[in-house]
Amino acid sequence: MAKHYIHFANGLGLGNQLYLLAYTDYLKSLGADASLFLMGNGQVGDTKDKAKRNLVLEIPQRLGMAVVDKKQISRSFRYIFCKAFYGKEKLNWREPKDQWAVFFEGVHGKYPINFYYGYFQSHHYIAEPFKQRLKTVLRALKPVDVAVGENDVALHIRRGDFLNPENAGLIRTVGLDYYLNGLDYIRQRQTIGTVYIFSDDFAAIEKEIAAISADYPVRLMQGQSVLEDMNWLTYFKHYVVGNSTFAWWGCLLSDHQDGLVVVPQRPWVQEQPAASQYLPHWVQLPNE
């Protein structure tokens, strides 16, 4: 049976890691023998330092997904044979350039051993049973004591490395007007209780906090670990979030799939006409 390995890259945030796990699950659901592979050593484990992008290896392990070092694979007879017979590059399947949120159906590797590189951020890769298993694992890894009201809103503002000059051509800034409009969209449809503000960089969003606090009761979710933030997010019914895959996963794993979820219409500079990162019922508001 062919082997299919998905690149579990060092330096990815938790949101991107979860997409790779979902894609691995998707390939397995199609009958593929799918695992994850690592290249080199990186920081691992949960952390309160939101600037870090640690791999949380306990998650795939508890999901029953193997995580294998590329060096170990490269010593196998299967890899040595395929590399010599087919050529190294043919064993690699790469997500098409600038289409990381587009759904590419099926198992793409055609050789006895295959390596997949990409982000795989289409919601079509994410099965409902996988979401439930994942949520169970996350809550077991880092339980949180949550008391969230049905009318409370989770608001997530991603800053951090998104503000770096090298990301200017990739990531659109999601500004204050978008967040105020998102809250107003919800307020027109129901009463808003408390707005819980999550961020990876609270020092960079003081203006946003002040403006939101002028209109709504606010609670700042500071001092938590990455997993604690994620688990808190899953308990809300209503959301206003930016262009953060981390926040999108909080919405995807929500206990309430009938809530209001507001997301930015254009999260990236690069347009992807066939992109499917959002669930159909999520509300897309302008962010420019």
Protein backbone atom coordinates (compact mmCIF):
# COMPACT_ATOMS: atom_id res chain seq x y z
CA MET A 1 0.00 0.00 0.00
CA ALA A 2 1.31 3.45 -0.89
CA LYS A 3 2.53 5.76 1.86
CA HIS A 4 1.40 9.40 2.01
CA TYR A 5 3.28 11.85 4.25
CA ILE A 6 2.06 15.40 4.94
CA HIS A 7 4.69 18.00 5.84
CA PHE A 8 4.10 19.08 9.46
CA ALA A 9 6.30 22.14 9.18
CA ASN A 10 8.17 23.77 12.04
CA GLY A 11 7.20 27.40 12.60
CA LEU A 12 3.49 27.04 11.84
CA GLY A 13 0.94 28.40 14.29
CA LEU A 14 -1.69 26.16 15.82
CA GLY A 15 -4.35 27.11 13.27
CA ASN A 16 -2.19 25.98 10.35
CA GLN A 17 -1.24 22.83 12.23
CA LEU A 18 -4.90 21.89 12.64
CA TYR A 19 -5.50 22.28 8.90
CA LEU A 20 -2.70 19.78 8.24
CA LEU A 21 -4.25 17.35 10.71
CA ALA A 22 -7.63 17.76 9.01
CA TYR A 23 -6.03 17.11 5.62
CA THR A 24 -4.34 13.97 6.96
CA ASP A 25 -7.73 12.81 8.23
CA TYR A 26 -9.24 13.59 4.81
CA LEU A 27 -6.68 11.42 3.01
CA LYS A 28 -7.23 8.62 5.52
CA SER A 29 -10.98 8.82 4.90
CA LEU A 30 -10.24 8.11 1.22
CA GLY A 31 -8.36 4.96 2.18
CA ALA A 32 -4.84 6.39 2.03
CA ASP A 33 -2.15 5.35 4.49
CA ALA A 34 -1.47 8.93 5.61
CA SER A 35 0.92 10.23 8.26
CA LEU A 36 2.76 13.46 9.09
CA PHE A 37 6.47 14.06 8.69
CA LEU A 38 8.88 16.51 10.31
CA MET A 39 12.08 18.02 8.94
CA GLY A 40 14.56 19.13 11.58
CA ASN A 41 13.98 20.17 15.16
CA GLY A 42 11.69 22.96 16.29
CA GLN A 43 10.01 24.26 19.41
CA VAL A 44 7.27 22.00 20.69
CA GLY A 45 4.51 22.14 23.29
CA ASP A 46 1.91 24.63 24.48
CA THR A 47 3.13 28.13 25.35
CA LYS A 48 1.90 31.47 26.68
CA ASP A 49 4.28 33.30 24.34
CA LYS A 50 2.01 34.03 21.37
CA ALA A 51 5.00 35.14 19.27
CA LYS A 52 6.20 31.53 19.20
CA ARG A 53 4.87 28.99 16.72
CA ASN A 54 5.36 25.77 18.63
CA LEU A 55 4.30 22.42 17.22
CA VAL A 56 1.86 20.76 19.61
CA LEU A 57 2.74 17.14 18.89
CA GLU A 58 0.40 15.80 21.57
CA ILE A 59 -2.56 16.62 19.33
CA PRO A 60 -1.75 14.29 16.39
CA GLN A 61 -0.53 11.66 18.82
CA ARG A 62 -3.84 11.65 20.69
CA LEU A 63 -5.70 11.59 17.39
CA GLY A 64 -3.80 8.44 16.47
CA MET A 65 -1.78 10.07 13.70
CA ALA A 66 1.84 9.06 13.29
CA VAL A 67 4.46 11.83 13.16
CA VAL A 68 7.68 10.59 11.53
CA ASP A 69 11.06 12.27 11.10
CA LYS A 70 12.04 12.69 7.44
CA LYS A 71 15.49 11.26 8.22
CA GLN A 72 13.85 8.04 9.36
CA ILE A 73 11.80 7.85 6.16
CA SER A 74 14.82 8.57 3.96
CA ARG A 75 16.58 5.48 5.34
CA SER A 76 13.73 3.15 4.35
CA PHE A 77 14.10 0.77 1.40
CA ARG A 78 10.84 2.07 -0.08
CA TYR A 79 12.14 5.66 -0.22
CA ILE A 80 15.59 4.71 -1.51
CA PHE A 81 14.04 2.59 -4.27
CA CYS A 82 11.44 5.20 -5.31
CA LYS A 83 13.97 8.02 -5.30
CA ALA A 84 16.27 6.04 -7.59
CA PHE A 85 13.52 4.70 -9.88
CA TYR A 86 11.17 7.70 -10.21
CA GLY A 87 13.34 10.64 -9.17
CA LYS A 88 13.09 12.59 -5.93
CA GLU A 89 10.91 15.46 -7.18
CA LYS A 90 8.19 13.20 -8.59
CA LEU A 91 7.52 11.92 -5.10
CA ASN A 92 6.46 15.43 -3.98
CA TRP A 93 2.92 16.74 -4.45
CA ARG A 94 2.75 20.48 -3.88
CA GLU A 95 -0.40 22.47 -3.39
CA PRO A 96 -0.66 24.82 -6.42
CA LYS A 97 0.93 28.21 -5.82
CA ASP A 98 -1.31 30.83 -4.17
CA GLN A 99 -4.23 28.39 -3.86
CA TRP A 100 -3.86 27.35 -0.24
CA ALA A 101 -7.60 27.74 0.46
CA VAL A 102 -8.80 25.92 -2.68
CA PHE A 103 -10.17 22.38 -2.45
CA PHE A 104 -8.31 19.77 -4.51
CA GLU A 105 -10.31 16.59 -4.32
CA GLY A 106 -8.79 13.14 -4.05
CA VAL A 107 -5.50 11.45 -3.26
CA HIS A 108 -2.80 13.05 -5.42
CA GLY A 109 0.33 11.01 -4.75
CA LYS A 110 0.77 8.34 -7.42
CA TYR A 111 3.88 6.54 -6.19
CA PRO A 112 4.67 3.94 -3.51
CA ILE A 113 5.81 6.83 -1.27
CA ASN A 114 4.53 10.42 -1.53
CA PHE A 115 5.18 13.72 0.23
CA TYR A 116 2.61 16.53 0.39
CA TYR A 117 3.46 20.20 0.85
CA GLY A 118 0.86 22.89 1.42
CA TYR A 119 -1.55 24.57 3.85
CA PHE A 120 -4.84 22.87 2.82
CA GLN A 121 -7.13 25.53 4.27
CA SER A 122 -10.37 24.62 2.48
CA HIS A 123 -13.21 23.72 4.85
CA HIS A 124 -14.08 20.83 2.52
CA TYR A 125 -11.17 18.86 3.96
CA ILE A 126 -12.63 19.07 7.47
CA ALA A 127 -15.05 16.28 8.38
CA GLU A 128 -17.55 16.69 11.20
CA PRO A 129 -16.38 13.54 13.06
CA PHE A 130 -12.82 14.88 12.91
CA LYS A 131 -13.91 18.20 14.44
CA GLN A 132 -15.56 16.41 17.34
CA ARG A 133 -12.54 14.18 17.96
CA LEU A 134 -10.22 17.18 17.76
CA LYS A 135 -12.28 19.23 20.19
CA THR A 136 -12.28 16.35 22.67
CA VAL A 137 -8.49 16.09 22.43
CA LEU A 138 -7.92 19.84 22.82
CA ARG A 139 -10.15 20.10 25.87
CA ALA A 140 -8.48 17.11 27.50
CA LEU A 141 -5.00 18.56 26.90
CA LYS A 142 -5.76 21.93 28.52
CA PRO A 143 -9.12 22.15 30.32
CA VAL A 144 -10.48 25.65 30.99
CA ASP A 145 -13.09 26.84 33.45
CA VAL A 146 -15.53 28.66 31.17
CA ALA A 147 -18.64 30.67 31.99
CA VAL A 148 -19.76 32.19 28.69
CA GLY A 149 -23.24 33.61 28.17
CA GLU A 150 -25.28 32.91 25.04
CA ASN A 151 -25.18 36.59 24.06
CA ASP A 152 -21.46 37.04 24.65
CA VAL A 153 -19.19 37.57 21.64
CA ALA A 154 -15.65 36.34 21.02
CA LEU A 155 -13.60 38.91 19.12
CA HIS A 156 -10.14 37.93 17.88
CA ILE A 157 -7.60 40.45 16.57
CA ARG A 158 -4.49 39.00 14.93
CA ARG A 159 -1.43 41.22 14.87
CA GLY A 160 2.08 40.02 15.83
CA ASP A 161 4.07 39.02 12.76
CA PHE A 162 1.20 40.10 10.49
CA LEU A 163 2.56 43.63 10.99
CA ASN A 164 6.02 42.72 9.68
CA PRO A 165 6.95 44.39 6.35
CA GLU A 166 7.60 41.05 4.65
CA ASN A 167 3.93 40.11 5.14
CA ALA A 168 2.56 43.31 3.57
CA GLY A 169 2.20 41.66 0.17
CA LEU A 170 0.41 38.64 1.58
CA ILE A 171 -1.80 39.59 4.54
CA ARG A 172 -4.40 42.35 4.54
CA THR A 173 -4.65 44.40 7.72
CA VAL A 174 -8.07 44.00 9.32
CA GLY A 175 -8.71 47.33 11.01
CA LEU A 176 -10.93 48.83 13.68
CA ASP A 177 -13.82 49.72 11.35
CA TYR A 178 -14.26 46.07 10.41
CA TYR A 179 -14.51 44.99 14.05
CA LEU A 180 -16.97 47.75 14.95
CA ASN A 181 -19.08 46.90 11.90
CA GLY A 182 -18.98 43.23 12.84
CA LEU A 183 -20.20 43.93 16.35
CA ASP A 184 -22.89 46.23 14.97
CA TYR A 185 -24.02 43.47 12.61
CA ILE A 186 -24.56 41.18 15.59
CA ARG A 187 -26.13 43.93 17.74
CA GLN A 188 -28.76 44.57 15.06
CA ARG A 189 -29.86 40.95 15.42
CA GLN A 190 -29.56 40.31 19.13
CA THR A 191 -28.41 41.79 22.42
CA ILE A 192 -24.67 41.66 23.02
CA GLY A 193 -23.55 40.74 26.51
CA THR A 194 -19.78 40.90 27.05
CA VAL A 195 -17.22 41.13 24.25
CA TYR A 196 -14.27 38.83 25.02
CA ILE A 197 -11.20 40.12 23.20
CA PHE A 198 -8.50 37.62 22.20
CA SER A 199 -5.21 38.59 20.56
CA ASP A 200 -1.64 37.49 20.04
CA ASP A 201 -0.42 41.06 20.61
CA PHE A 202 -2.44 43.17 23.07
CA ALA A 203 0.13 45.97 23.03
CA ALA A 204 -0.62 46.53 19.33
CA ILE A 205 -4.41 46.81 19.72
CA GLU A 206 -4.82 49.45 22.43
CA LYS A 207 -6.75 51.71 20.04
CA GLU A 208 -9.14 48.89 19.13
CA ILE A 209 -9.69 47.97 22.78
CA ALA A 210 -10.48 51.58 23.73
CA ALA A 211 -12.98 52.00 20.88
CA ILE A 212 -14.77 48.72 21.54
CA SER A 213 -14.85 49.37 25.29
CA ALA A 214 -16.65 52.67 24.66
CA ASP A 215 -19.68 50.77 23.32
CA TYR A 216 -19.61 47.33 24.95
CA PRO A 217 -18.62 45.60 28.19
CA VAL A 218 -15.23 44.05 27.48
CA ARG A 219 -13.11 41.29 28.97
CA LEU A 220 -9.49 40.99 27.83
CA MET A 221 -8.34 37.37 27.51
CA GLN A 222 -4.71 37.92 28.45
CA GLY A 223 -2.15 35.63 30.05
CA GLN A 224 -3.47 32.38 28.66
CA SER A 225 -1.62 29.73 26.70
CA VAL A 226 -2.29 29.01 23.04
CA LEU A 227 -4.36 25.93 23.87
CA GLU A 228 -6.29 27.77 26.57
CA ASP A 229 -7.22 30.50 24.09
CA MET A 230 -8.35 27.91 21.56
CA ASN A 231 -10.46 26.03 24.06
CA TRP A 232 -12.11 29.21 25.31
CA LEU A 233 -13.01 30.18 21.75
CA THR A 234 -14.87 26.92 21.16
CA TYR A 235 -17.46 27.72 23.84
CA PHE A 236 -18.85 30.88 22.24
CA LYS A 237 -21.90 31.11 20.00
CA HIS A 238 -21.09 34.41 18.27
CA TYR A 239 -17.81 35.65 16.79
CA VAL A 240 -16.16 38.59 15.09
CA VAL A 241 -12.73 37.44 13.93
CA GLY A 242 -10.01 38.64 11.59
CA ASN A 243 -7.75 36.84 9.12
CA SER A 244 -6.39 34.35 11.63
CA THR A 245 -6.55 30.62 10.96
CA PHE A 246 -6.32 30.18 14.73
CA ALA A 247 -9.54 32.16 15.21
CA TRP A 248 -11.24 30.36 12.32
CA TRP A 249 -10.63 27.06 14.07
CA GLY A 250 -12.19 28.46 17.23
CA CYS A 251 -15.32 29.15 15.15
CA LEU A 252 -15.16 25.78 13.38
CA LEU A 253 -15.06 23.93 16.70
CA SER A 254 -17.80 25.98 18.35
CA ASP A 255 -20.38 24.08 20.37
CA HIS A 256 -23.00 26.26 18.65
CA GLN A 257 -23.17 25.90 14.89
CA ASP A 258 -26.26 28.14 14.69
CA GLY A 259 -24.50 31.29 15.92
CA LEU A 260 -23.37 34.41 14.07
CA VAL A 261 -19.81 34.27 12.73
CA VAL A 262 -18.42 37.43 11.13
CA VAL A 263 -15.25 37.11 9.03
CA PRO A 264 -13.30 39.48 6.72
CA GLN A 265 -14.29 39.39 3.06
CA ARG A 266 -10.70 39.72 1.81
CA PRO A 267 -8.25 38.19 4.29
CA TRP A 268 -5.31 38.07 1.87
CA VAL A 269 -3.76 40.33 -0.75
CA GLN A 270 -3.64 37.43 -3.21
CA GLU A 271 -7.16 36.73 -4.48
CA GLN A 272 -8.29 33.10 -4.75
CA PRO A 273 -11.57 32.99 -6.72
CA ALA A 274 -12.19 29.33 -5.83
CA ALA A 275 -11.22 29.70 -2.16
CA SER A 276 -13.38 27.86 0.37
CA GLN A 277 -11.85 28.67 3.75
CA TYR A 278 -15.18 29.83 5.22
CA LEU A 279 -18.29 27.83 6.00
CA PRO A 280 -21.22 28.90 3.78
CA HIS A 281 -23.25 30.46 6.60
CA TRP A 282 -20.43 32.66 7.91
CA VAL A 283 -21.03 36.36 7.28
CA GLN A 284 -18.34 38.08 5.21
CA LEU A 285 -18.02 41.82 5.79
CA PRO A 286 -15.72 44.27 3.97
CA ASN A 287 -12.39 44.80 5.70
CA GLU A 288 -10.96 47.65 3.59
